[in-house]
Amino acid sequence: MRIYKELETLGFFKWYCTQYSGLVYQEYKPVYDDLPLDNIIRTELNACVFKFFREKYNYFSSPTESDNDTTKTYDWLITKNLGSGKKFIGFIGYKNSYEEAEFECIKKLIENTKKEL
């Protein structure tokens, strides 16, 4: 999944430019999905992606790290604020790296949001 292409259809870049006025992303957007997961530009954008989902769609996600004997797992808990409480959406456990777990979480947020629209 090309997450930044998907995020554009959900209004992320319009929101991003409104939040951080003066930003011109058009010339760079084709390459965002091609950057390595641990690239600083992706890291900064992803922080804004989580803020976007909180503010626009009421999705909350939080990372945790757990050690199971010899295996380190990077976990994400996803909930949705419904006003009358929170709805559990998913729990993603990923073994390889924090960046891959973050990527999987963003994919899940995109999938859930698209189902709602």
C-alpha atoms as a PDB file:
ATOM      1  CA  MET A   1       0.000   0.000   0.000  1.00  0.00           C
ATOM      2  CA  ARG A   2       1.270   3.443  -0.921  1.00  0.00           C
ATOM      3  CA  ILE A   3       0.117   5.153   2.260  1.00  0.00           C
ATOM      4  CA  TYR A   4       0.760   8.766   1.262  1.00  0.00           C
ATOM      5  CA  LYS A   5      -1.183   8.314  -1.982  1.00  0.00           C
ATOM      6  CA  GLU A   6      -4.046   6.846   0.077  1.00  0.00           C
ATOM      7  CA  LEU A   7      -3.763   9.637   2.653  1.00  0.00           C
ATOM      8  CA  GLU A   8      -4.101  12.236  -0.078  1.00  0.00           C
ATOM      9  CA  THR A   9      -7.524  10.825  -0.988  1.00  0.00           C
ATOM     10  CA  LEU A  10      -8.570  11.149   2.682  1.00  0.00           C
ATOM     11  CA  GLY A  11      -7.625  14.842   2.755  1.00  0.00           C
ATOM     12  CA  PHE A  12      -4.357  14.551   4.668  1.00  0.00           C
ATOM     13  CA  PHE A  13      -2.286  16.932   2.539  1.00  0.00           C
ATOM     14  CA  LYS A  14      -5.012  19.555   2.416  1.00  0.00           C
ATOM     15  CA  TRP A  15      -5.210  19.370   6.225  1.00  0.00           C
ATOM     16  CA  TYR A  16      -1.406  19.369   6.475  1.00  0.00           C
ATOM     17  CA  CYS A  17      -1.062  22.514   4.361  1.00  0.00           C
ATOM     18  CA  THR A  18      -3.780  24.238   6.403  1.00  0.00           C
ATOM     19  CA  GLN A  19      -2.083  23.319   9.681  1.00  0.00           C
ATOM     20  CA  TYR A  20       1.404  24.270   8.524  1.00  0.00           C
ATOM     21  CA  SER A  21       0.713  27.157   6.151  1.00  0.00           C
ATOM     22  CA  GLY A  22       3.014  27.822   3.306  1.00  0.00           C
ATOM     23  CA  LEU A  23       4.004  24.206   2.867  1.00  0.00           C
ATOM     24  CA  VAL A  24       4.248  23.164  -0.753  1.00  0.00           C
ATOM     25  CA  TYR A  25       4.177  19.398  -0.997  1.00  0.00           C
ATOM     26  CA  GLN A  26       3.161  18.932  -4.643  1.00  0.00           C
ATOM     27  CA  GLU A  27       6.664  18.525  -6.013  1.00  0.00           C
ATOM     28  CA  TYR A  28       7.629  15.973  -3.382  1.00  0.00           C
ATOM     29  CA  LYS A  29       4.486  13.881  -2.923  1.00  0.00           C
ATOM     30  CA  PRO A  30       5.329  11.324  -5.656  1.00  0.00           C
ATOM     31  CA  VAL A  31       8.466  10.270  -3.762  1.00  0.00           C
ATOM     32  CA  TYR A  32       7.171  10.044  -0.178  1.00  0.00           C
ATOM     33  CA  ASP A  33       6.086   6.419  -0.546  1.00  0.00           C
ATOM     34  CA  ASP A  34       9.450   5.489  -2.055  1.00  0.00           C
ATOM     35  CA  LEU A  35      11.472   6.730   0.915  1.00  0.00           C
ATOM     36  CA  PRO A  36      12.802   4.163   3.413  1.00  0.00           C
ATOM     37  CA  LEU A  37      10.537   3.643   6.432  1.00  0.00           C
ATOM     38  CA  ASP A  38      13.141   5.152   8.768  1.00  0.00           C
ATOM     39  CA  ASN A  39      13.700   8.286   6.659  1.00  0.00           C
ATOM     40  CA  ILE A  40      13.401  11.531   8.661  1.00  0.00           C
ATOM     41  CA  ILE A  41      10.853  13.005   6.230  1.00  0.00           C
ATOM     42  CA  ARG A  42       8.596   9.968   6.673  1.00  0.00           C
ATOM     43  CA  THR A  43       9.091  10.104  10.432  1.00  0.00           C
ATOM     44  CA  GLU A  44       7.964  13.737  10.534  1.00  0.00           C
ATOM     45  CA  LEU A  45       5.037  13.127   8.181  1.00  0.00           C
ATOM     46  CA  ASN A  46       3.907  10.099  10.173  1.00  0.00           C
ATOM     47  CA  ALA A  47       3.739  12.150  13.370  1.00  0.00           C
ATOM     48  CA  CYS A  48       1.388  14.496  11.515  1.00  0.00           C
ATOM     49  CA  VAL A  49      -0.574  11.537  10.112  1.00  0.00           C
ATOM     50  CA  PHE A  50      -1.417  10.373  13.640  1.00  0.00           C
ATOM     51  CA  LYS A  51      -2.464  13.924  14.571  1.00  0.00           C
ATOM     52  CA  PHE A  52      -4.615  14.081  11.406  1.00  0.00           C
ATOM     53  CA  PHE A  53      -6.452  10.856  12.334  1.00  0.00           C
ATOM     54  CA  ARG A  54      -7.021  12.112  15.892  1.00  0.00           C
ATOM     55  CA  GLU A  55      -8.376  15.497  14.809  1.00  0.00           C
ATOM     56  CA  LYS A  56     -10.336  14.582  11.700  1.00  0.00           C
ATOM     57  CA  TYR A  57     -11.534  11.022  12.326  1.00  0.00           C
ATOM     58  CA  ASN A  58     -11.269  10.575  16.134  1.00  0.00           C
ATOM     59  CA  TYR A  59      -8.850   7.655  15.836  1.00  0.00           C
ATOM     60  CA  PHE A  60      -6.302   7.298  18.597  1.00  0.00           C
ATOM     61  CA  SER A  61      -3.282   5.043  18.409  1.00  0.00           C
ATOM     62  CA  SER A  62      -0.533   4.462  20.883  1.00  0.00           C
ATOM     63  CA  PRO A  63       2.667   2.454  20.549  1.00  0.00           C
ATOM     64  CA  THR A  64       3.990   0.083  23.162  1.00  0.00           C
ATOM     65  CA  GLU A  65       6.975  -2.200  23.301  1.00  0.00           C
ATOM     66  CA  SER A  66       7.037  -5.596  24.907  1.00  0.00           C
ATOM     67  CA  ASP A  67       9.717  -8.190  25.434  1.00  0.00           C
ATOM     68  CA  ASN A  68       8.700 -11.826  25.309  1.00  0.00           C
ATOM     69  CA  ASP A  69      11.834 -13.640  26.456  1.00  0.00           C
ATOM     70  CA  THR A  70      14.025 -13.203  23.366  1.00  0.00           C
ATOM     71  CA  THR A  71      11.609 -11.449  21.005  1.00  0.00           C
ATOM     72  CA  LYS A  72      10.969  -7.725  21.106  1.00  0.00           C
ATOM     73  CA  THR A  73       7.539  -6.799  19.758  1.00  0.00           C
ATOM     74  CA  TYR A  74       6.331  -3.357  18.780  1.00  0.00           C
ATOM     75  CA  ASP A  75       2.602  -3.047  19.394  1.00  0.00           C
ATOM     76  CA  TRP A  76       0.003  -0.436  18.490  1.00  0.00           C
ATOM     77  CA  LEU A  77      -3.369  -0.069  20.140  1.00  0.00           C
ATOM     78  CA  ILE A  78      -6.012   1.645  17.986  1.00  0.00           C
ATOM     79  CA  THR A  79      -9.260   3.039  19.394  1.00  0.00           C
ATOM     80  CA  LYS A  80     -11.917   5.398  18.115  1.00  0.00           C
ATOM     81  CA  ASN A  81     -13.470   8.077  20.285  1.00  0.00           C
ATOM     82  CA  LEU A  82     -17.237   7.855  19.786  1.00  0.00           C
ATOM     83  CA  GLY A  83     -18.203  10.610  22.225  1.00  0.00           C
ATOM     84  CA  SER A  84     -19.929   8.124  24.502  1.00  0.00           C
ATOM     85  CA  GLY A  85     -16.756   6.125  24.970  1.00  0.00           C
ATOM     86  CA  LYS A  86     -13.986   4.499  23.033  1.00  0.00           C
ATOM     87  CA  LYS A  87     -14.392   1.650  20.602  1.00  0.00           C
ATOM     88  CA  PHE A  88     -11.551  -0.855  20.318  1.00  0.00           C
ATOM     89  CA  ILE A  89     -10.433  -1.075  16.693  1.00  0.00           C
ATOM     90  CA  GLY A  90      -7.358  -3.231  16.749  1.00  0.00           C
ATOM     91  CA  PHE A  91      -4.110  -4.245  18.277  1.00  0.00           C
ATOM     92  CA  ILE A  92      -1.185  -4.701  15.945  1.00  0.00           C
ATOM     93  CA  GLY A  93       1.865  -6.630  17.083  1.00  0.00           C
ATOM     94  CA  TYR A  94       4.877  -6.473  14.843  1.00  0.00           C
ATOM     95  CA  LYS A  95       8.247  -8.080  15.488  1.00  0.00           C
ATOM     96  CA  ASN A  96      10.728  -6.562  13.057  1.00  0.00           C
ATOM     97  CA  SER A  97      10.993  -2.861  13.837  1.00  0.00           C
ATOM     98  CA  TYR A  98       9.196   0.126  15.276  1.00  0.00           C
ATOM     99  CA  GLU A  99       9.015   1.738  11.812  1.00  0.00           C
ATOM    100  CA  GLU A 100       7.356  -1.322  10.293  1.00  0.00           C
ATOM    101  CA  ALA A 101       4.865  -1.455  13.148  1.00  0.00           C
ATOM    102  CA  GLU A 102       4.104   2.244  12.650  1.00  0.00           C
ATOM    103  CA  PHE A 103       3.597   1.626   8.922  1.00  0.00           C
ATOM    104  CA  GLU A 104       1.177  -1.243   9.643  1.00  0.00           C
ATOM    105  CA  CYS A 105      -0.743   0.944  12.084  1.00  0.00           C
ATOM    106  CA  ILE A 106      -1.141   3.717   9.502  1.00  0.00           C
ATOM    107  CA  LYS A 107      -2.357   1.161   6.959  1.00  0.00           C
ATOM    108  CA  LYS A 108      -4.972  -0.047   9.469  1.00  0.00           C
ATOM    109  CA  LEU A 109      -6.094   3.543  10.156  1.00  0.00           C
ATOM    110  CA  ILE A 110      -6.479   4.148   6.420  1.00  0.00           C
ATOM    111  CA  GLU A 111      -8.436   0.914   5.914  1.00  0.00           C
ATOM    112  CA  ASN A 112     -10.819   1.646   8.789  1.00  0.00           C
ATOM    113  CA  THR A 113     -11.399   5.225   7.672  1.00  0.00           C
ATOM    114  CA  LYS A 114     -12.113   4.178   4.086  1.00  0.00           C
ATOM    115  CA  LYS A 115     -14.718   1.682   5.361  1.00  0.00           C
ATOM    116  CA  GLU A 116     -16.507   4.515   7.171  1.00  0.00           C
ATOM    117  CA  LEU A 117     -16.692   6.813   4.162  1.00  0.00           C
END
